[in-house]
C-alpha atoms as a PDB file:
ATOM      1  CA  MET A   1     -38.954  79.531 -30.369  1.00  0.00           C
ATOM      2  CA  PRO A   2     -35.760  81.194 -28.118  1.00  0.00           C
ATOM      3  CA  SER A   3     -32.547  79.180 -28.308  1.00  0.00           C
ATOM      4  CA  ILE A   4     -29.418  78.939 -26.240  1.00  0.00           C
ATOM      5  CA  ARG A   5     -25.623  78.091 -26.882  1.00  0.00           C
ATOM      6  CA  ILE A   6     -23.732  75.955 -24.778  1.00  0.00           C
ATOM      7  CA  ASP A   7     -19.854  75.154 -26.276  1.00  0.00           C
ATOM      8  CA  GLN A   8     -20.921  76.309 -29.682  1.00  0.00           C
ATOM      9  CA  THR A   9     -23.710  74.067 -29.605  1.00  0.00           C
ATOM     10  CA  ASP A  10     -27.446  75.573 -30.026  1.00  0.00           C
ATOM     11  CA  LEU A  11     -30.302  74.530 -28.257  1.00  0.00           C
ATOM     12  CA  ARG A  12     -34.435  75.379 -28.893  1.00  0.00           C
ATOM     13  CA  VAL A  13     -35.430  75.817 -25.654  1.00  0.00           C
ATOM     14  CA  ASN A  14     -38.410  73.724 -24.890  1.00  0.00           C
ATOM     15  CA  ASN A  15     -40.206  73.354 -21.377  1.00  0.00           C
ATOM     16  CA  ILE A  16     -39.442  75.751 -18.593  1.00  0.00           C
ATOM     17  CA  PHE A  17     -39.750  74.109 -15.578  1.00  0.00           C
ATOM     18  CA  CYS A  18     -39.191  76.375 -12.021  1.00  0.00           C
ATOM     19  CA  VAL A  19     -39.022  75.125  -8.439  1.00  0.00           C
ATOM     20  CA  ALA A  20     -41.072  76.912  -5.991  1.00  0.00           C
ATOM     21  CA  ARG A  21     -39.567  76.437  -3.266  1.00  0.00           C
ATOM     22  CA  ASN A  22     -35.902  74.848  -2.885  1.00  0.00           C
ATOM     23  CA  TYR A  23     -34.397  76.881   0.170  1.00  0.00           C
ATOM     24  CA  LEU A  24     -35.675  76.514   3.360  1.00  0.00           C
ATOM     25  CA  ALA A  25     -35.081  80.584   4.478  1.00  0.00           C
ATOM     26  CA  HIS A  26     -36.673  81.567   1.752  1.00  0.00           C
ATOM     27  CA  ALA A  27     -39.531  79.059   1.955  1.00  0.00           C
ATOM     28  CA  ALA A  28     -39.248  81.023   5.746  1.00  0.00           C
ATOM     29  CA  GLU A  29     -39.494  84.256   4.138  1.00  0.00           C
ATOM     30  CA  MET A  30     -42.192  83.332   2.031  1.00  0.00           C
ATOM     31  CA  GLY A  31     -44.796  81.597   5.063  1.00  0.00           C
ATOM     32  CA  ALA A  32     -44.500  78.412   3.291  1.00  0.00           C
ATOM     33  CA  SER A  33     -42.535  75.375   4.412  1.00  0.00           C
ATOM     34  CA  ILE A  34     -40.619  72.124   1.960  1.00  0.00           C
ATOM     35  CA  GLY A  35     -42.708  69.016   1.724  1.00  0.00           C
ATOM     36  CA  SER A  36     -41.677  65.640   0.874  1.00  0.00           C
ATOM     37  CA  GLU A  37     -41.609  66.497  -2.770  1.00  0.00           C
ATOM     38  CA  PRO A  38     -40.881  68.831  -5.490  1.00  0.00           C
ATOM     39  CA  VAL A  39     -43.535  72.074  -5.696  1.00  0.00           C
ATOM     40  CA  VAL A  40     -43.315  72.897  -9.987  1.00  0.00           C
ATOM     41  CA  PHE A  41     -44.138  75.321 -12.071  1.00  0.00           C
ATOM     42  CA  ILE A  42     -43.945  75.877 -15.484  1.00  0.00           C
ATOM     43  CA  LYS A  43     -43.396  78.736 -18.041  1.00  0.00           C
ATOM     44  CA  PRO A  44     -43.913  79.359 -21.310  1.00  0.00           C
ATOM     45  CA  ASN A  45     -40.668  79.674 -23.339  1.00  0.00           C
ATOM     46  CA  SER A  46     -41.907  82.971 -24.664  1.00  0.00           C
ATOM     47  CA  ALA A  47     -40.641  84.241 -20.874  1.00  0.00           C
ATOM     48  CA  ILE A  48     -36.908  83.939 -21.906  1.00  0.00           C
ATOM     49  CA  LEU A  49     -34.871  86.829 -21.770  1.00  0.00           C
ATOM     50  CA  GLN A  50     -31.633  86.953 -22.481  1.00  0.00           C
ATOM     51  CA  SER A  51     -27.605  88.906 -22.122  1.00  0.00           C
ATOM     52  CA  GLY A  52     -28.270  92.032 -23.458  1.00  0.00           C
ATOM     53  CA  GLN A  53     -31.645  92.963 -23.061  1.00  0.00           C
ATOM     54  CA  ALA A  54     -33.318  95.117 -20.810  1.00  0.00           C
ATOM     55  CA  LEU A  55     -35.800  93.616 -17.820  1.00  0.00           C
ATOM     56  CA  GLN A  56     -38.842  94.978 -18.674  1.00  0.00           C
ATOM     57  CA  LEU A  57     -41.646  95.462 -15.489  1.00  0.00           C
ATOM     58  CA  PRO A  58     -44.790  94.565 -16.694  1.00  0.00           C
ATOM     59  CA  SER A  59     -47.347  97.363 -16.484  1.00  0.00           C
ATOM     60  CA  TRP A  60     -50.052  95.787 -14.372  1.00  0.00           C
ATOM     61  CA  SER A  61     -47.962  94.717 -11.344  1.00  0.00           C
ATOM     62  CA  LYS A  62     -46.072  97.177  -9.209  1.00  0.00           C
ATOM     63  CA  ASP A  63     -44.520  95.010  -7.280  1.00  0.00           C
ATOM     64  CA  VAL A  64     -41.816  93.056  -9.464  1.00  0.00           C
ATOM     65  CA  HIS A  65     -39.385  90.764  -7.551  1.00  0.00           C
ATOM     66  CA  HIS A  66     -36.099  88.845  -8.330  1.00  0.00           C
ATOM     67  CA  GLU A  67     -35.377  85.157  -7.554  1.00  0.00           C
ATOM     68  CA  ALA A  68     -31.684  84.391  -8.140  1.00  0.00           C
ATOM     69  CA  GLU A  69     -31.480  80.991  -9.772  1.00  0.00           C
ATOM     70  CA  LEU A  70     -28.958  77.919 -11.022  1.00  0.00           C
ATOM     71  CA  VAL A  71     -30.407  77.239 -14.405  1.00  0.00           C
ATOM     72  CA  VAL A  72     -29.795  73.581 -16.010  1.00  0.00           C
ATOM     73  CA  ALA A  73     -29.852  72.838 -19.546  1.00  0.00           C
ATOM     74  CA  ILE A  74     -31.348  69.490 -20.351  1.00  0.00           C
ATOM     75  CA  GLY A  75     -29.051  67.932 -22.932  1.00  0.00           C
ATOM     76  CA  ARG A  76     -30.977  65.117 -23.964  1.00  0.00           C
ATOM     77  CA  GLY A  77     -34.595  63.906 -23.517  1.00  0.00           C
ATOM     78  CA  GLY A  78     -35.406  60.923 -20.956  1.00  0.00           C
ATOM     79  CA  LYS A  79     -38.147  59.415 -18.988  1.00  0.00           C
ATOM     80  CA  ASN A  80     -37.814  57.920 -15.356  1.00  0.00           C
ATOM     81  CA  ILE A  81     -34.045  59.521 -15.445  1.00  0.00           C
ATOM     82  CA  SER A  82     -32.677  57.532 -12.142  1.00  0.00           C
ATOM     83  CA  LYS A  83     -30.837  60.108  -9.429  1.00  0.00           C
ATOM     84  CA  GLU A  84     -27.739  58.052  -9.813  1.00  0.00           C
ATOM     85  CA  ASN A  85     -27.065  58.939 -13.890  1.00  0.00           C
ATOM     86  CA  ALA A  86     -29.639  62.578 -14.151  1.00  0.00           C
ATOM     87  CA  LEU A  87     -25.967  64.372 -14.391  1.00  0.00           C
ATOM     88  CA  GLU A  88     -25.499  62.998 -17.663  1.00  0.00           C
ATOM     89  CA  TYR A  89     -28.159  65.136 -19.051  1.00  0.00           C
ATOM     90  CA  VAL A  90     -27.680  67.871 -18.987  1.00  0.00           C
ATOM     91  CA  ALA A  91     -25.597  70.188 -20.977  1.00  0.00           C
ATOM     92  CA  GLY A  92     -24.598  72.932 -19.349  1.00  0.00           C
ATOM     93  CA  TYR A  93     -25.830  75.456 -16.484  1.00  0.00           C
ATOM     94  CA  ALA A  94     -26.469  79.611 -16.481  1.00  0.00           C
ATOM     95  CA  LEU A  95     -27.653  81.934 -13.346  1.00  0.00           C
ATOM     96  CA  GLY A  96     -31.162  83.137 -14.487  1.00  0.00           C
ATOM     97  CA  LEU A  97     -33.831  85.534 -12.480  1.00  0.00           C
ATOM     98  CA  ASP A  98     -37.745  83.822 -12.029  1.00  0.00           C
ATOM     99  CA  LEU A  99     -39.558  86.818 -12.059  1.00  0.00           C
ATOM    100  CA  THR A 100     -42.404  87.379  -9.834  1.00  0.00           C
ATOM    101  CA  ALA A 101     -45.378  89.586  -9.999  1.00  0.00           C
ATOM    102  CA  ARG A 102     -45.840  89.247  -5.934  1.00  0.00           C
ATOM    103  CA  ASP A 103     -48.276  91.833  -6.194  1.00  0.00           C
ATOM    104  CA  VAL A 104     -50.186  89.607  -8.611  1.00  0.00           C
ATOM    105  CA  GLN A 105     -49.517  86.548  -7.224  1.00  0.00           C
ATOM    106  CA  THR A 106     -50.868  86.740  -4.022  1.00  0.00           C
ATOM    107  CA  GLU A 107     -53.960  87.354  -5.248  1.00  0.00           C
ATOM    108  CA  ALA A 108     -54.384  84.448  -7.377  1.00  0.00           C
ATOM    109  CA  LYS A 109     -53.274  82.600  -4.146  1.00  0.00           C
ATOM    110  CA  ARG A 110     -55.490  84.051  -2.082  1.00  0.00           C
ATOM    111  CA  ALA A 111     -58.353  83.427  -5.007  1.00  0.00           C
ATOM    112  CA  GLY A 112     -57.133  80.474  -5.152  1.00  0.00           C
ATOM    113  CA  MET A 113     -55.904  80.641  -8.613  1.00  0.00           C
ATOM    114  CA  PRO A 114     -53.234  79.529 -10.995  1.00  0.00           C
ATOM    115  CA  TRP A 115     -50.081  81.372 -11.080  1.00  0.00           C
ATOM    116  CA  THR A 116     -49.525  81.984 -14.504  1.00  0.00           C
ATOM    117  CA  LEU A 117     -49.544  85.334 -15.085  1.00  0.00           C
ATOM    118  CA  SER A 118     -47.433  85.398 -12.420  1.00  0.00           C
ATOM    119  CA  LYS A 119     -44.578  84.325 -13.551  1.00  0.00           C
ATOM    120  CA  GLY A 120     -44.865  83.516 -16.789  1.00  0.00           C
ATOM    121  CA  PHE A 121     -44.884  86.999 -18.415  1.00  0.00           C
ATOM    122  CA  ASP A 122     -42.583  88.511 -21.152  1.00  0.00           C
ATOM    123  CA  GLY A 123     -39.303  88.365 -20.153  1.00  0.00           C
ATOM    124  CA  ALA A 124     -40.520  86.740 -16.881  1.00  0.00           C
ATOM    125  CA  ALA A 125     -37.449  83.966 -17.288  1.00  0.00           C
ATOM    126  CA  VAL A 126     -33.891  86.119 -17.788  1.00  0.00           C
ATOM    127  CA  LEU A 127     -31.071  83.585 -18.183  1.00  0.00           C
ATOM    128  CA  THR A 128     -27.076  84.524 -18.348  1.00  0.00           C
ATOM    129  CA  GLN A 129     -24.908  82.713 -21.160  1.00  0.00           C
ATOM    130  CA  PHE A 130     -24.732  79.052 -20.232  1.00  0.00           C
ATOM    131  CA  VAL A 131     -21.521  77.462 -19.126  1.00  0.00           C
ATOM    132  CA  PRO A 132     -20.603  73.967 -20.742  1.00  0.00           C
ATOM    133  CA  ALA A 133     -21.682  70.527 -18.242  1.00  0.00           C
ATOM    134  CA  SER A 134     -17.728  69.479 -18.069  1.00  0.00           C
ATOM    135  CA  ALA A 135     -17.156  73.289 -16.552  1.00  0.00           C
ATOM    136  CA  ILE A 136     -19.260  71.803 -13.380  1.00  0.00           C
ATOM    137  CA  ARG A 137     -17.677  68.851 -12.287  1.00  0.00           C
ATOM    138  CA  ASN A 138     -20.296  69.302  -8.905  1.00  0.00           C
ATOM    139  CA  PRO A 139     -23.139  70.634  -9.211  1.00  0.00           C
ATOM    140  CA  PHE A 140     -23.966  70.085  -5.426  1.00  0.00           C
ATOM    141  CA  GLU A 141     -21.188  72.375  -4.211  1.00  0.00           C
ATOM    142  CA  LEU A 142     -22.125  75.813  -5.760  1.00  0.00           C
ATOM    143  CA  GLU A 143     -21.832  79.380  -4.806  1.00  0.00           C
ATOM    144  CA  PHE A 144     -23.550  82.172  -6.661  1.00  0.00           C
ATOM    145  CA  ALA A 145     -25.372  85.908  -5.877  1.00  0.00           C
ATOM    146  CA  LEU A 146     -26.934  88.666  -6.940  1.00  0.00           C
ATOM    147  CA  GLU A 147     -26.307  91.912  -6.512  1.00  0.00           C
ATOM    148  CA  ILE A 148     -27.960  95.433  -7.507  1.00  0.00           C
ATOM    149  CA  ASN A 149     -26.982  98.829  -7.949  1.00  0.00           C
ATOM    150  CA  GLY A 150     -23.367  97.099  -6.130  1.00  0.00           C
ATOM    151  CA  LYS A 151     -25.113  96.029  -3.559  1.00  0.00           C
ATOM    152  CA  SER A 152     -25.895  92.395  -2.224  1.00  0.00           C
ATOM    153  CA  LYS A 153     -29.311  91.046  -2.559  1.00  0.00           C
ATOM    154  CA  GLN A 154     -29.278  87.414  -2.590  1.00  0.00           C
ATOM    155  CA  GLN A 155     -26.368  84.606  -1.864  1.00  0.00           C
ATOM    156  CA  ALA A 156     -27.070  80.795  -2.640  1.00  0.00           C
ATOM    157  CA  ASP A 157     -24.958  78.055  -1.715  1.00  0.00           C
ATOM    158  CA  THR A 158     -26.595  74.311  -3.113  1.00  0.00           C
ATOM    159  CA  ARG A 159     -25.645  72.172  -0.719  1.00  0.00           C
ATOM    160  CA  LEU A 160     -28.483  74.443   1.113  1.00  0.00           C
ATOM    161  CA  MET A 161     -31.054  72.650  -1.263  1.00  0.00           C
ATOM    162  CA  ALA A 162     -33.996  70.410  -0.181  1.00  0.00           C
ATOM    163  CA  PHE A 163     -33.751  69.328  -3.317  1.00  0.00           C
ATOM    164  CA  ASP A 164     -30.585  68.884  -5.708  1.00  0.00           C
ATOM    165  CA  VAL A 165     -29.866  69.388  -9.378  1.00  0.00           C
ATOM    166  CA  ALA A 166     -29.827  65.502  -9.842  1.00  0.00           C
ATOM    167  CA  THR A 167     -32.876  64.772  -7.462  1.00  0.00           C
ATOM    168  CA  LEU A 168     -34.864  66.985  -9.428  1.00  0.00           C
ATOM    169  CA  ILE A 169     -34.120  65.842 -13.117  1.00  0.00           C
ATOM    170  CA  SER A 170     -35.002  62.507 -11.829  1.00  0.00           C
ATOM    171  CA  TRP A 171     -37.692  63.604  -9.968  1.00  0.00           C
ATOM    172  CA  ILE A 172     -39.789  65.762 -12.949  1.00  0.00           C
ATOM    173  CA  SER A 173     -38.746  63.054 -15.401  1.00  0.00           C
ATOM    174  CA  SER A 174     -41.235  60.368 -13.398  1.00  0.00           C
ATOM    175  CA  ARG A 175     -43.728  62.752 -14.021  1.00  0.00           C
ATOM    176  CA  PHE A 176     -43.061  64.399 -17.397  1.00  0.00           C
ATOM    177  CA  THR A 177     -41.110  63.295 -20.267  1.00  0.00           C
ATOM    178  CA  LEU A 178     -38.503  65.586 -20.166  1.00  0.00           C
ATOM    179  CA  GLN A 179     -36.839  67.083 -23.596  1.00  0.00           C
ATOM    180  CA  ALA A 180     -33.446  68.096 -25.315  1.00  0.00           C
ATOM    181  CA  GLY A 181     -34.047  72.201 -24.687  1.00  0.00           C
ATOM    182  CA  ASP A 182     -35.803  71.785 -21.219  1.00  0.00           C
ATOM    183  CA  LEU A 183     -34.760  73.951 -18.601  1.00  0.00           C
ATOM    184  CA  ILE A 184     -34.700  73.725 -14.967  1.00  0.00           C
ATOM    185  CA  TYR A 185     -34.615  76.752 -12.817  1.00  0.00           C
ATOM    186  CA  THR A 186     -34.080  75.114  -9.357  1.00  0.00           C
ATOM    187  CA  GLY A 187     -35.304  77.508  -7.000  1.00  0.00           C
ATOM    188  CA  THR A 188     -34.049  80.891  -4.836  1.00  0.00           C
ATOM    189  CA  PRO A 189     -32.258  81.499  -1.759  1.00  0.00           C
ATOM    190  CA  GLU A 190     -33.332  84.273   0.778  1.00  0.00           C
ATOM    191  CA  GLY A 191     -33.393  87.155   0.017  1.00  0.00           C
ATOM    192  CA  VAL A 192     -36.230  87.776  -2.465  1.00  0.00           C
ATOM    193  CA  GLY A 193     -37.101  91.644  -3.055  1.00  0.00           C
ATOM    194  CA  GLN A 194     -38.787  94.679  -5.746  1.00  0.00           C
ATOM    195  CA  LEU A 195     -37.426  95.706  -8.424  1.00  0.00           C
ATOM    196  CA  HIS A 196     -37.212  98.526 -10.084  1.00  0.00           C
ATOM    197  CA  SER A 197     -36.778 100.946 -13.256  1.00  0.00           C
ATOM    198  CA  GLY A 198     -32.461 101.991 -13.305  1.00  0.00           C
ATOM    199  CA  ASP A 199     -31.654  99.216 -11.355  1.00  0.00           C
ATOM    200  CA  GLN A 200     -28.362  97.165 -11.958  1.00  0.00           C
ATOM    201  CA  LEU A 201     -27.745  93.686 -11.596  1.00  0.00           C
ATOM    202  CA  LYS A 202     -25.045  91.374 -11.532  1.00  0.00           C
ATOM    203  CA  LEU A 203     -25.429  88.349 -11.794  1.00  0.00           C
ATOM    204  CA  THR A 204     -21.958  86.306 -10.457  1.00  0.00           C
ATOM    205  CA  LEU A 205     -20.828  82.270 -10.005  1.00  0.00           C
ATOM    206  CA  GLY A 206     -17.562  81.615  -9.215  1.00  0.00           C
ATOM    207  CA  ASP A 207     -15.261  83.031 -12.221  1.00  0.00           C
ATOM    208  CA  LEU A 208     -17.309  80.956 -14.939  1.00  0.00           C
ATOM    209  CA  ILE A 209     -20.128  83.469 -14.577  1.00  0.00           C
ATOM    210  CA  GLU A 210     -20.778  87.595 -14.493  1.00  0.00           C
ATOM    211  CA  GLU A 211     -22.761  89.129 -16.052  1.00  0.00           C
ATOM    212  CA  LYS A 212     -25.113  92.193 -15.604  1.00  0.00           C
ATOM    213  CA  PHE A 213     -28.035  93.027 -16.825  1.00  0.00           C
ATOM    214  CA  VAL A 214     -30.425  96.437 -16.059  1.00  0.00           C
ATOM    215  CA  VAL A 215     -34.104  97.193 -15.730  1.00  0.00           C
ATOM    216  CA  ALA A 216     -35.627  99.740 -18.055  1.00  0.00           C
END
């Protein structure tokens, strides 16, 4: 089971919850809309790929997309957590990439089948190092970015989220029991696109996170 380190404390990764659509502009570019409640899916923890590892594109997909996201690590378990108390359960924050085999996902949607293969393959949950929750007092007003080969590809402002971090923690905990080590990928902004072998990626969040990844 993979683990993450936050402020000298190791957490084993349990469930990986991902929000399918949380920014209006991204929903629009995908030809979708955002409903009154979050749409959540789960990746296996075997999908984790951490700093220092190269991104591996699966041989069975010809169109793997990047989706840059703010990732929340849960530090203690809870059920039916109130929105007002939700941030007390956060151990730390990272940036991540929800890699998506778009061609496989499109075919699955067309056939009315689950997305699991397109979203849950090995290496499909990319993570930077985490910063402790104390380093980010207000996750509701964050900006983060993804560059590929020196060019800006995705820019995010969490004020544009349809469901903010506290709302997501509260809603997910009302449907699933959250556990220490659970991760929440909070959704991607517009600008998703295809990755290619040799691409150089850089994820940044202010002066707190700046990490590079390469596509093998």
